[in-house]
PDB file of N, CA and C in Angstrom:
ATOM      1  N   MET A   1     -45.462 -50.012  54.747  1.00  0.00           N
ATOM      2  CA  MET A   1     -45.043 -48.993  55.916  1.00  0.00           C
ATOM      3  C   MET A   1     -46.135 -47.870  55.941  1.00  0.00           C
ATOM      4  N   TYR A   2     -46.645 -47.807  54.650  1.00  0.00           N
ATOM      5  CA  TYR A   2     -47.570 -46.532  54.556  1.00  0.00           C
ATOM      6  C   TYR A   2     -49.214 -47.068  54.491  1.00  0.00           C
ATOM      7  N   GLU A   3     -49.409 -48.420  55.054  1.00  0.00           N
ATOM      8  CA  GLU A   3     -50.872 -48.917  54.834  1.00  0.00           C
ATOM      9  C   GLU A   3     -51.853 -47.927  55.386  1.00  0.00           C
ATOM     10  N   TYR A   4     -51.313 -47.681  56.777  1.00  0.00           N
ATOM     11  CA  TYR A   4     -52.364 -46.934  57.295  1.00  0.00           C
ATOM     12  C   TYR A   4     -52.618 -45.455  57.012  1.00  0.00           C
ATOM     13  N   ILE A   5     -52.147 -45.194  56.144  1.00  0.00           N
ATOM     14  CA  ILE A   5     -52.448 -43.876  55.220  1.00  0.00           C
ATOM     15  C   ILE A   5     -53.772 -43.909  54.197  1.00  0.00           C
ATOM     16  N   PRO A   6     -54.752 -43.034  54.742  1.00  0.00           N
ATOM     17  CA  PRO A   6     -55.806 -43.319  53.753  1.00  0.00           C
ATOM     18  C   PRO A   6     -55.679 -42.720  52.211  1.00  0.00           C
ATOM     19  N   GLU A   7     -55.982 -43.276  51.075  1.00  0.00           N
ATOM     20  CA  GLU A   7     -55.941 -42.989  49.703  1.00  0.00           C
ATOM     21  C   GLU A   7     -56.019 -41.400  49.609  1.00  0.00           C
ATOM     22  N   ILE A   8     -57.080 -40.639  50.273  1.00  0.00           N
ATOM     23  CA  ILE A   8     -57.314 -39.386  50.118  1.00  0.00           C
ATOM     24  C   ILE A   8     -57.457 -38.976  51.687  1.00  0.00           C
ATOM     25  N   MET A   9     -56.600 -37.966  52.073  1.00  0.00           N
ATOM     26  CA  MET A   9     -56.892 -37.706  53.513  1.00  0.00           C
ATOM     27  C   MET A   9     -57.205 -36.023  53.837  1.00  0.00           C
ATOM     28  N   THR A  10     -57.816 -35.850  54.872  1.00  0.00           N
ATOM     29  CA  THR A  10     -57.914 -34.589  55.137  1.00  0.00           C
ATOM     30  C   THR A  10     -56.775 -33.738  55.348  1.00  0.00           C
ATOM     31  N   PHE A  11     -57.035 -32.342  55.561  1.00  0.00           N
ATOM     32  CA  PHE A  11     -56.117 -31.527  56.057  1.00  0.00           C
ATOM     33  C   PHE A  11     -55.606 -31.766  57.487  1.00  0.00           C
ATOM     34  N   LYS A  12     -56.575 -32.291  58.409  1.00  0.00           N
ATOM     35  CA  LYS A  12     -56.227 -32.708  59.708  1.00  0.00           C
ATOM     36  C   LYS A  12     -55.286 -33.903  59.791  1.00  0.00           C
ATOM     37  N   GLU A  13     -55.727 -34.797  58.820  1.00  0.00           N
ATOM     38  CA  GLU A  13     -55.006 -36.294  58.965  1.00  0.00           C
ATOM     39  C   GLU A  13     -53.701 -36.170  58.312  1.00  0.00           C
ATOM     40  N   CYS A  14     -53.388 -35.037  57.498  1.00  0.00           N
ATOM     41  CA  CYS A  14     -52.258 -34.770  56.679  1.00  0.00           C
ATOM     42  C   CYS A  14     -51.198 -33.998  57.812  1.00  0.00           C
ATOM     43  N   GLN A  15     -51.958 -33.074  58.392  1.00  0.00           N
ATOM     44  CA  GLN A  15     -51.163 -32.519  59.676  1.00  0.00           C
ATOM     45  C   GLN A  15     -50.361 -33.380  60.662  1.00  0.00           C
ATOM     46  N   LYS A  16     -51.394 -34.405  61.136  1.00  0.00           N
ATOM     47  CA  LYS A  16     -50.889 -35.584  62.131  1.00  0.00           C
ATOM     48  C   LYS A  16     -49.972 -36.178  61.405  1.00  0.00           C
ATOM     49  N   ILE A  17     -50.044 -36.885  60.397  1.00  0.00           N
ATOM     50  CA  ILE A  17     -48.990 -37.658  59.648  1.00  0.00           C
ATOM     51  C   ILE A  17     -47.776 -36.922  59.485  1.00  0.00           C
ATOM     52  N   LEU A  18     -47.797 -35.617  58.969  1.00  0.00           N
ATOM     53  CA  LEU A  18     -46.455 -34.893  58.789  1.00  0.00           C
ATOM     54  C   LEU A  18     -45.930 -34.339  59.854  1.00  0.00           C
ATOM     55  N   LYS A  19     -46.700 -34.193  61.344  1.00  0.00           N
ATOM     56  CA  LYS A  19     -46.600 -33.723  62.144  1.00  0.00           C
ATOM     57  C   LYS A  19     -46.245 -32.134  62.009  1.00  0.00           C
ATOM     58  N   VAL A  20     -47.031 -31.195  61.650  1.00  0.00           N
ATOM     59  CA  VAL A  20     -46.873 -29.804  61.066  1.00  0.00           C
ATOM     60  C   VAL A  20     -48.129 -29.140  61.472  1.00  0.00           C
ATOM     61  N   GLY A  21     -48.031 -27.814  61.477  1.00  0.00           N
ATOM     62  CA  GLY A  21     -49.343 -27.055  61.935  1.00  0.00           C
ATOM     63  C   GLY A  21     -50.108 -26.787  60.805  1.00  0.00           C
ATOM     64  N   LYS A  22     -51.001 -26.005  60.872  1.00  0.00           N
ATOM     65  CA  LYS A  22     -51.749 -25.381  59.677  1.00  0.00           C
ATOM     66  C   LYS A  22     -51.103 -24.435  58.841  1.00  0.00           C
ATOM     67  N   ASN A  23     -50.327 -23.558  59.240  1.00  0.00           N
ATOM     68  CA  ASN A  23     -49.788 -22.514  58.403  1.00  0.00           C
ATOM     69  C   ASN A  23     -48.618 -23.272  57.565  1.00  0.00           C
ATOM     70  N   THR A  24     -47.924 -24.158  58.263  1.00  0.00           N
ATOM     71  CA  THR A  24     -46.753 -24.853  57.416  1.00  0.00           C
ATOM     72  C   THR A  24     -47.454 -25.695  56.391  1.00  0.00           C
ATOM     73  N   LEU A  25     -48.471 -26.395  56.743  1.00  0.00           N
ATOM     74  CA  LEU A  25     -48.877 -27.379  55.761  1.00  0.00           C
ATOM     75  C   LEU A  25     -49.535 -26.379  54.292  1.00  0.00           C
ATOM     76  N   LEU A  26     -50.219 -25.455  54.818  1.00  0.00           N
ATOM     77  CA  LEU A  26     -50.822 -24.453  53.631  1.00  0.00           C
ATOM     78  C   LEU A  26     -49.461 -23.912  52.775  1.00  0.00           C
ATOM     79  N   ASP A  27     -48.582 -23.617  53.663  1.00  0.00           N
ATOM     80  CA  ASP A  27     -47.323 -23.208  52.983  1.00  0.00           C
ATOM     81  C   ASP A  27     -46.712 -24.181  51.957  1.00  0.00           C
ATOM     82  N   LEU A  28     -46.691 -25.659  52.381  1.00  0.00           N
ATOM     83  CA  LEU A  28     -46.231 -26.527  51.554  1.00  0.00           C
ATOM     84  C   LEU A  28     -47.416 -26.845  50.457  1.00  0.00           C
ATOM     85  N   ILE A  29     -48.554 -26.454  50.577  1.00  0.00           N
ATOM     86  CA  ILE A  29     -49.494 -26.723  49.495  1.00  0.00           C
ATOM     87  C   ILE A  29     -49.641 -25.603  48.295  1.00  0.00           C
ATOM     88  N   HIS A  30     -49.275 -24.342  49.148  1.00  0.00           N
ATOM     89  CA  HIS A  30     -49.221 -23.304  48.047  1.00  0.00           C
ATOM     90  C   HIS A  30     -47.857 -23.205  47.367  1.00  0.00           C
ATOM     91  N   THR A  31     -46.818 -23.639  47.789  1.00  0.00           N
ATOM     92  CA  THR A  31     -45.608 -23.696  47.188  1.00  0.00           C
ATOM     93  C   THR A  31     -45.398 -24.834  46.177  1.00  0.00           C
ATOM     94  N   ASN A  32     -46.283 -25.843  46.008  1.00  0.00           N
ATOM     95  CA  ASN A  32     -46.270 -26.914  45.413  1.00  0.00           C
ATOM     96  C   ASN A  32     -45.422 -28.289  45.833  1.00  0.00           C
ATOM     97  N   GLN A  33     -45.033 -27.985  46.877  1.00  0.00           N
ATOM     98  CA  GLN A  33     -44.096 -29.084  47.701  1.00  0.00           C
ATOM     99  C   GLN A  33     -45.056 -30.151  47.934  1.00  0.00           C
ATOM    100  N   LEU A  34     -46.411 -30.161  48.158  1.00  0.00           N
ATOM    101  CA  LEU A  34     -47.383 -31.251  48.280  1.00  0.00           C
ATOM    102  C   LEU A  34     -48.495 -30.953  47.253  1.00  0.00           C
ATOM    103  N   GLU A  35     -48.704 -32.000  46.933  1.00  0.00           N
ATOM    104  CA  GLU A  35     -49.917 -31.952  45.825  1.00  0.00           C
ATOM    105  C   GLU A  35     -51.258 -31.748  46.287  1.00  0.00           C
ATOM    106  N   ALA A  36     -52.157 -31.083  46.268  1.00  0.00           N
ATOM    107  CA  ALA A  36     -53.541 -31.131  47.174  1.00  0.00           C
ATOM    108  C   ALA A  36     -54.744 -30.677  46.251  1.00  0.00           C
ATOM    109  N   PHE A  37     -55.959 -30.936  46.701  1.00  0.00           N
ATOM    110  CA  PHE A  37     -56.750 -30.107  45.915  1.00  0.00           C
ATOM    111  C   PHE A  37     -58.256 -29.891  46.575  1.00  0.00           C
ATOM    112  N   LYS A  38     -59.178 -29.200  46.268  1.00  0.00           N
ATOM    113  CA  LYS A  38     -60.056 -28.670  46.853  1.00  0.00           C
ATOM    114  C   LYS A  38     -61.399 -29.425  46.616  1.00  0.00           C
ATOM    115  N   VAL A  39     -62.105 -30.012  47.507  1.00  0.00           N
ATOM    116  CA  VAL A  39     -63.533 -30.411  47.349  1.00  0.00           C
ATOM    117  C   VAL A  39     -64.312 -29.462  48.135  1.00  0.00           C
ATOM    118  N   GLY A  40     -65.018 -28.635  47.263  1.00  0.00           N
ATOM    119  CA  GLY A  40     -65.768 -27.260  48.158  1.00  0.00           C
ATOM    120  C   GLY A  40     -64.689 -26.558  48.855  1.00  0.00           C
ATOM    121  N   SER A  41     -64.922 -26.273  49.925  1.00  0.00           N
ATOM    122  CA  SER A  41     -63.842 -25.315  50.792  1.00  0.00           C
ATOM    123  C   SER A  41     -62.876 -26.108  51.248  1.00  0.00           C
ATOM    124  N   ARG A  42     -62.724 -27.398  51.115  1.00  0.00           N
ATOM    125  CA  ARG A  42     -61.912 -28.470  52.189  1.00  0.00           C
ATOM    126  C   ARG A  42     -61.043 -29.016  51.320  1.00  0.00           C
ATOM    127  N   TRP A  43     -59.701 -29.013  51.909  1.00  0.00           N
ATOM    128  CA  TRP A  43     -58.577 -29.434  51.571  1.00  0.00           C
ATOM    129  C   TRP A  43     -58.496 -31.074  51.267  1.00  0.00           C
ATOM    130  N   LYS A  44     -57.903 -31.599  50.448  1.00  0.00           N
ATOM    131  CA  LYS A  44     -57.523 -33.294  50.249  1.00  0.00           C
ATOM    132  C   LYS A  44     -56.441 -33.366  49.577  1.00  0.00           C
ATOM    133  N   ILE A  45     -55.779 -34.342  50.215  1.00  0.00           N
ATOM    134  CA  ILE A  45     -54.410 -34.557  50.019  1.00  0.00           C
ATOM    135  C   ILE A  45     -54.424 -36.064  49.586  1.00  0.00           C
ATOM    136  N   PRO A  46     -53.888 -36.424  48.323  1.00  0.00           N
ATOM    137  CA  PRO A  46     -53.510 -37.749  48.047  1.00  0.00           C
ATOM    138  C   PRO A  46     -52.458 -38.353  48.643  1.00  0.00           C
ATOM    139  N   LYS A  47     -52.446 -39.688  48.885  1.00  0.00           N
ATOM    140  CA  LYS A  47     -51.521 -40.164  49.758  1.00  0.00           C
ATOM    141  C   LYS A  47     -50.287 -40.271  49.103  1.00  0.00           C
ATOM    142  N   GLN A  48     -50.202 -40.484  47.851  1.00  0.00           N
ATOM    143  CA  GLN A  48     -49.030 -40.647  47.102  1.00  0.00           C
ATOM    144  C   GLN A  48     -48.073 -39.475  47.295  1.00  0.00           C
ATOM    145  N   SER A  49     -49.056 -38.505  47.241  1.00  0.00           N
ATOM    146  CA  SER A  49     -48.123 -36.885  47.452  1.00  0.00           C
ATOM    147  C   SER A  49     -47.524 -36.766  48.642  1.00  0.00           C
ATOM    148  N   VAL A  50     -47.967 -37.501  49.869  1.00  0.00           N
ATOM    149  CA  VAL A  50     -47.435 -37.329  51.033  1.00  0.00           C
ATOM    150  C   VAL A  50     -46.290 -38.391  51.159  1.00  0.00           C
ATOM    151  N   ILE A  51     -46.294 -39.599  50.510  1.00  0.00           N
ATOM    152  CA  ILE A  51     -45.404 -40.498  50.351  1.00  0.00           C
ATOM    153  C   ILE A  51     -44.193 -39.895  49.767  1.00  0.00           C
ATOM    154  N   GLU A  52     -44.507 -39.420  48.662  1.00  0.00           N
ATOM    155  CA  GLU A  52     -43.193 -38.577  47.862  1.00  0.00           C
ATOM    156  C   GLU A  52     -42.718 -37.746  48.848  1.00  0.00           C
ATOM    157  N   PHE A  53     -43.497 -36.742  49.364  1.00  0.00           N
ATOM    158  CA  PHE A  53     -42.749 -35.669  50.313  1.00  0.00           C
ATOM    159  C   PHE A  53     -42.226 -36.094  51.161  1.00  0.00           C
ATOM    160  N   ILE A  54     -42.560 -37.408  51.995  1.00  0.00           N
ATOM    161  CA  ILE A  54     -41.605 -37.659  53.057  1.00  0.00           C
ATOM    162  C   ILE A  54     -40.521 -38.417  52.398  1.00  0.00           C
ATOM    163  N   GLN A  55     -40.544 -39.044  51.438  1.00  0.00           N
ATOM    164  CA  GLN A  55     -39.188 -39.681  50.811  1.00  0.00           C
ATOM    165  C   GLN A  55     -38.321 -38.525  50.506  1.00  0.00           C
ATOM    166  N   TYR A  56     -38.504 -37.473  49.856  1.00  0.00           N
ATOM    167  CA  TYR A  56     -37.690 -36.456  49.283  1.00  0.00           C
ATOM    168  C   TYR A  56     -37.467 -35.386  50.324  1.00  0.00           C
ATOM    169  N   ARG A  57     -37.858 -35.580  51.306  1.00  0.00           N
ATOM    170  CA  ARG A  57     -37.901 -34.223  52.443  1.00  0.00           C
ATOM    171  C   ARG A  57     -36.376 -34.116  53.028  1.00  0.00           C
TER     172      ARG A  57
END
């Protein structure tokens, strides 16, 4: 079901998958509802974090 999701996705990819805006995704990250990390100044979101968020949403 989640085969099309990359193992590590960019901020924009995650926005498209979750169908949320920039501020909503940042809120999810900053409130630890979605695991994410930065590489330089860019957010990276693990696939497993997105799957867990979708399942428990």
